[in-house]
């Protein structure tokens, strides 16, 4: 069983504003996904934004997010796939999976980029290059 609902600041951060999050409960385990909407505690009531000039737009945005999440869950059920919350998050929010992203640059890549830009004396530059080459081996 899976449930999807909106909650306000589940960590009780205590700031002036708190995030509205989507809570997905799957196999009795909660997953929290930030919606990007931040409101004050008095502006949140019964799962809706109230007492704000833009409450209609925010509630519509939050409703769309919940609807898209429910559509993805239903697609998983229809296709008899296992429900993967990370996959749902990628599809709804358009977050690229780590396998699709370009490989992360290493410290050596960064040093190789920085070396030509540094304004060093010739001797110091040689020492840097020598150190870089020793690290690459």
C-alpha atoms as a PDB file:
ATOM      1  CA  UNK A   1       0.000   0.000   0.000  1.00  0.00           C
ATOM      2  CA  UNK A   2       1.239   3.463  -0.832  1.00  0.00           C
ATOM      3  CA  UNK A   3      -0.054   6.835   0.311  1.00  0.00           C
ATOM      4  CA  UNK A   4       0.799  10.315  -0.929  1.00  0.00           C
ATOM      5  CA  UNK A   5       0.045  13.479   1.030  1.00  0.00           C
ATOM      6  CA  UNK A   6       1.321  16.977   1.678  1.00  0.00           C
ATOM      7  CA  UNK A   7       2.810  17.960   5.018  1.00  0.00           C
ATOM      8  CA  UNK A   8       4.340  21.082   6.489  1.00  0.00           C
ATOM      9  CA  UNK A   9       7.911  21.089   7.834  1.00  0.00           C
ATOM     10  CA  UNK A  10       8.154  17.509   9.126  1.00  0.00           C
ATOM     11  CA  UNK A  11      11.475  18.306  10.842  1.00  0.00           C
ATOM     12  CA  UNK A  12      10.088  21.309  12.746  1.00  0.00           C
ATOM     13  CA  UNK A  13      13.001  23.496  11.741  1.00  0.00           C
ATOM     14  CA  UNK A  14      11.541  26.386  13.718  1.00  0.00           C
ATOM     15  CA  UNK A  15      12.361  29.126  11.214  1.00  0.00           C
ATOM     16  CA  UNK A  16      10.020  31.853  10.079  1.00  0.00           C
ATOM     17  CA  UNK A  17       8.960  29.780   7.076  1.00  0.00           C
ATOM     18  CA  UNK A  18       8.999  26.051   6.545  1.00  0.00           C
ATOM     19  CA  UNK A  19       8.921  23.796   3.507  1.00  0.00           C
ATOM     20  CA  UNK A  20       5.847  22.042   2.216  1.00  0.00           C
ATOM     21  CA  UNK A  21       6.823  18.475   1.404  1.00  0.00           C
ATOM     22  CA  UNK A  22       5.254  15.498  -0.293  1.00  0.00           C
ATOM     23  CA  UNK A  23       5.278  12.472   1.986  1.00  0.00           C
ATOM     24  CA  UNK A  24       5.159   9.146   0.204  1.00  0.00           C
ATOM     25  CA  UNK A  25       4.628   6.165   2.484  1.00  0.00           C
ATOM     26  CA  UNK A  26       5.552   2.881   0.841  1.00  0.00           C
ATOM     27  CA  UNK A  27       5.850  -0.376   2.779  1.00  0.00           C
ATOM     28  CA  UNK A  28       5.421   1.574   6.037  1.00  0.00           C
ATOM     29  CA  UNK A  29       8.475   3.696   5.277  1.00  0.00           C
ATOM     30  CA  UNK A  30       8.084   7.466   4.748  1.00  0.00           C
ATOM     31  CA  UNK A  31       9.903   9.353   1.997  1.00  0.00           C
ATOM     32  CA  UNK A  32       9.913  13.144   2.011  1.00  0.00           C
ATOM     33  CA  UNK A  33      10.362  15.227  -1.125  1.00  0.00           C
ATOM     34  CA  UNK A  34      10.604  19.007  -0.966  1.00  0.00           C
ATOM     35  CA  UNK A  35       8.134  20.787  -3.243  1.00  0.00           C
ATOM     36  CA  UNK A  36       9.999  24.096  -3.294  1.00  0.00           C
ATOM     37  CA  UNK A  37       7.070  25.867  -1.624  1.00  0.00           C
ATOM     38  CA  UNK A  38       7.799  27.632   1.674  1.00  0.00           C
ATOM     39  CA  UNK A  39       5.071  29.076   3.895  1.00  0.00           C
ATOM     40  CA  UNK A  40       4.594  30.259   7.478  1.00  0.00           C
ATOM     41  CA  UNK A  41       2.918  27.933   9.954  1.00  0.00           C
ATOM     42  CA  UNK A  42      -0.204  30.113  10.102  1.00  0.00           C
ATOM     43  CA  UNK A  43      -0.463  29.914   6.281  1.00  0.00           C
ATOM     44  CA  UNK A  44      -0.841  26.110   6.321  1.00  0.00           C
ATOM     45  CA  UNK A  45      -4.100  24.441   7.302  1.00  0.00           C
ATOM     46  CA  UNK A  46      -5.435  20.947   6.557  1.00  0.00           C
ATOM     47  CA  UNK A  47      -3.016  20.316   3.696  1.00  0.00           C
ATOM     48  CA  UNK A  48      -3.645  23.635   1.933  1.00  0.00           C
ATOM     49  CA  UNK A  49      -2.034  27.042   1.765  1.00  0.00           C
ATOM     50  CA  UNK A  50      -4.325  29.722   3.258  1.00  0.00           C
ATOM     51  CA  UNK A  51      -4.106  33.397   4.239  1.00  0.00           C
ATOM     52  CA  UNK A  52      -1.817  34.345   1.351  1.00  0.00           C
ATOM     53  CA  UNK A  53      -2.326  36.390  -1.759  1.00  0.00           C
ATOM     54  CA  UNK A  54      -0.933  33.580  -3.955  1.00  0.00           C
ATOM     55  CA  UNK A  55      -2.599  30.658  -2.162  1.00  0.00           C
ATOM     56  CA  UNK A  56      -4.632  29.617  -5.232  1.00  0.00           C
ATOM     57  CA  UNK A  57      -1.525  29.274  -7.411  1.00  0.00           C
ATOM     58  CA  UNK A  58       0.442  27.447  -4.709  1.00  0.00           C
ATOM     59  CA  UNK A  59      -2.392  25.027  -3.975  1.00  0.00           C
ATOM     60  CA  UNK A  60      -2.781  24.348  -7.691  1.00  0.00           C
ATOM     61  CA  UNK A  61       0.951  23.640  -8.017  1.00  0.00           C
ATOM     62  CA  UNK A  62       0.915  21.306  -5.012  1.00  0.00           C
ATOM     63  CA  UNK A  63      -2.175  19.530  -6.332  1.00  0.00           C
ATOM     64  CA  UNK A  64      -0.490  18.993  -9.721  1.00  0.00           C
ATOM     65  CA  UNK A  65       2.574  17.489  -8.032  1.00  0.00           C
ATOM     66  CA  UNK A  66       0.433  15.071  -6.030  1.00  0.00           C
ATOM     67  CA  UNK A  67      -1.555  14.173  -9.137  1.00  0.00           C
ATOM     68  CA  UNK A  68       1.629  13.444 -11.126  1.00  0.00           C
ATOM     69  CA  UNK A  69       3.009  11.296  -8.305  1.00  0.00           C
ATOM     70  CA  UNK A  70      -0.234   9.329  -8.135  1.00  0.00           C
ATOM     71  CA  UNK A  71      -0.153   8.856 -11.923  1.00  0.00           C
ATOM     72  CA  UNK A  72       3.379   7.422 -11.689  1.00  0.00           C
ATOM     73  CA  UNK A  73       2.342   5.099  -8.865  1.00  0.00           C
ATOM     74  CA  UNK A  74      -0.662   3.926 -10.893  1.00  0.00           C
ATOM     75  CA  UNK A  75       1.589   3.350 -13.919  1.00  0.00           C
ATOM     76  CA  UNK A  76       3.854   1.159 -11.785  1.00  0.00           C
ATOM     77  CA  UNK A  77       0.846  -0.818 -10.587  1.00  0.00           C
ATOM     78  CA  UNK A  78      -0.584  -1.167 -14.113  1.00  0.00           C
ATOM     79  CA  UNK A  79       2.746  -2.349 -15.531  1.00  0.00           C
ATOM     80  CA  UNK A  80       3.309  -4.587 -12.499  1.00  0.00           C
ATOM     81  CA  UNK A  81       6.625  -2.893 -11.764  1.00  0.00           C
ATOM     82  CA  UNK A  82       8.039  -2.479  -8.306  1.00  0.00           C
ATOM     83  CA  UNK A  83       7.322   0.973  -6.901  1.00  0.00           C
ATOM     84  CA  UNK A  84      10.599   2.877  -6.646  1.00  0.00           C
ATOM     85  CA  UNK A  85      10.282   6.261  -4.950  1.00  0.00           C
ATOM     86  CA  UNK A  86      13.597   7.503  -6.391  1.00  0.00           C
ATOM     87  CA  UNK A  87      12.358   6.692  -9.911  1.00  0.00           C
ATOM     88  CA  UNK A  88       9.070   8.481  -9.245  1.00  0.00           C
ATOM     89  CA  UNK A  89      10.987  11.524  -8.030  1.00  0.00           C
ATOM     90  CA  UNK A  90      13.135  11.519 -11.185  1.00  0.00           C
ATOM     91  CA  UNK A  91      10.094  11.315 -13.449  1.00  0.00           C
ATOM     92  CA  UNK A  92       8.030  13.951 -11.656  1.00  0.00           C
ATOM     93  CA  UNK A  93      10.756  16.478 -10.921  1.00  0.00           C
ATOM     94  CA  UNK A  94      12.927  15.732 -13.943  1.00  0.00           C
ATOM     95  CA  UNK A  95      15.992  14.903 -11.835  1.00  0.00           C
ATOM     96  CA  UNK A  96      18.575  13.022 -13.833  1.00  0.00           C
ATOM     97  CA  UNK A  97      19.719   9.701 -12.492  1.00  0.00           C
ATOM     98  CA  UNK A  98      23.373   9.470 -11.452  1.00  0.00           C
ATOM     99  CA  UNK A  99      24.037   6.968 -14.254  1.00  0.00           C
ATOM    100  CA  UNK A 100      22.882   9.484 -16.874  1.00  0.00           C
ATOM    101  CA  UNK A 101      24.856  12.435 -15.531  1.00  0.00           C
ATOM    102  CA  UNK A 102      28.375  12.982 -16.733  1.00  0.00           C
ATOM    103  CA  UNK A 103      31.030  11.439 -14.505  1.00  0.00           C
ATOM    104  CA  UNK A 104      32.116  13.629 -11.634  1.00  0.00           C
ATOM    105  CA  UNK A 105      35.405  15.409 -12.057  1.00  0.00           C
ATOM    106  CA  UNK A 106      38.211  14.262  -9.824  1.00  0.00           C
ATOM    107  CA  UNK A 107      40.649  16.424  -7.947  1.00  0.00           C
ATOM    108  CA  UNK A 108      43.301  15.612 -10.581  1.00  0.00           C
ATOM    109  CA  UNK A 109      41.000  16.893 -13.330  1.00  0.00           C
ATOM    110  CA  UNK A 110      40.545  20.108 -11.394  1.00  0.00           C
ATOM    111  CA  UNK A 111      44.307  20.524 -10.905  1.00  0.00           C
ATOM    112  CA  UNK A 112      44.887  19.940 -14.634  1.00  0.00           C
ATOM    113  CA  UNK A 113      42.386  22.709 -15.417  1.00  0.00           C
ATOM    114  CA  UNK A 114      43.890  25.133 -12.910  1.00  0.00           C
ATOM    115  CA  UNK A 115      47.582  24.697 -13.790  1.00  0.00           C
ATOM    116  CA  UNK A 116      47.549  26.686 -17.047  1.00  0.00           C
ATOM    117  CA  UNK A 117      45.612  29.524 -15.404  1.00  0.00           C
ATOM    118  CA  UNK A 118      47.981  30.001 -12.472  1.00  0.00           C
ATOM    119  CA  UNK A 119      50.492  32.791 -12.688  1.00  0.00           C
ATOM    120  CA  UNK A 120      53.561  31.029 -11.358  1.00  0.00           C
ATOM    121  CA  UNK A 121      57.252  31.376 -11.867  1.00  0.00           C
ATOM    122  CA  UNK A 122      58.774  28.848 -14.223  1.00  0.00           C
ATOM    123  CA  UNK A 123      60.422  26.811 -11.440  1.00  0.00           C
ATOM    124  CA  UNK A 124      57.258  26.656  -9.318  1.00  0.00           C
ATOM    125  CA  UNK A 125      55.220  25.665 -12.360  1.00  0.00           C
ATOM    126  CA  UNK A 126      57.656  22.788 -13.039  1.00  0.00           C
ATOM    127  CA  UNK A 127      57.295  21.576  -9.438  1.00  0.00           C
ATOM    128  CA  UNK A 128      53.494  21.655  -9.730  1.00  0.00           C
ATOM    129  CA  UNK A 129      53.555  19.733 -13.004  1.00  0.00           C
ATOM    130  CA  UNK A 130      55.970  17.174 -11.536  1.00  0.00           C
ATOM    131  CA  UNK A 131      53.706  16.672  -8.514  1.00  0.00           C
ATOM    132  CA  UNK A 132      50.656  16.347 -10.777  1.00  0.00           C
ATOM    133  CA  UNK A 133      52.370  13.730 -12.937  1.00  0.00           C
ATOM    134  CA  UNK A 134      53.441  11.747  -9.875  1.00  0.00           C
ATOM    135  CA  UNK A 135      49.863  11.719  -8.609  1.00  0.00           C
ATOM    136  CA  UNK A 136      48.569  10.527 -11.977  1.00  0.00           C
ATOM    137  CA  UNK A 137      50.761   7.406 -11.946  1.00  0.00           C
END
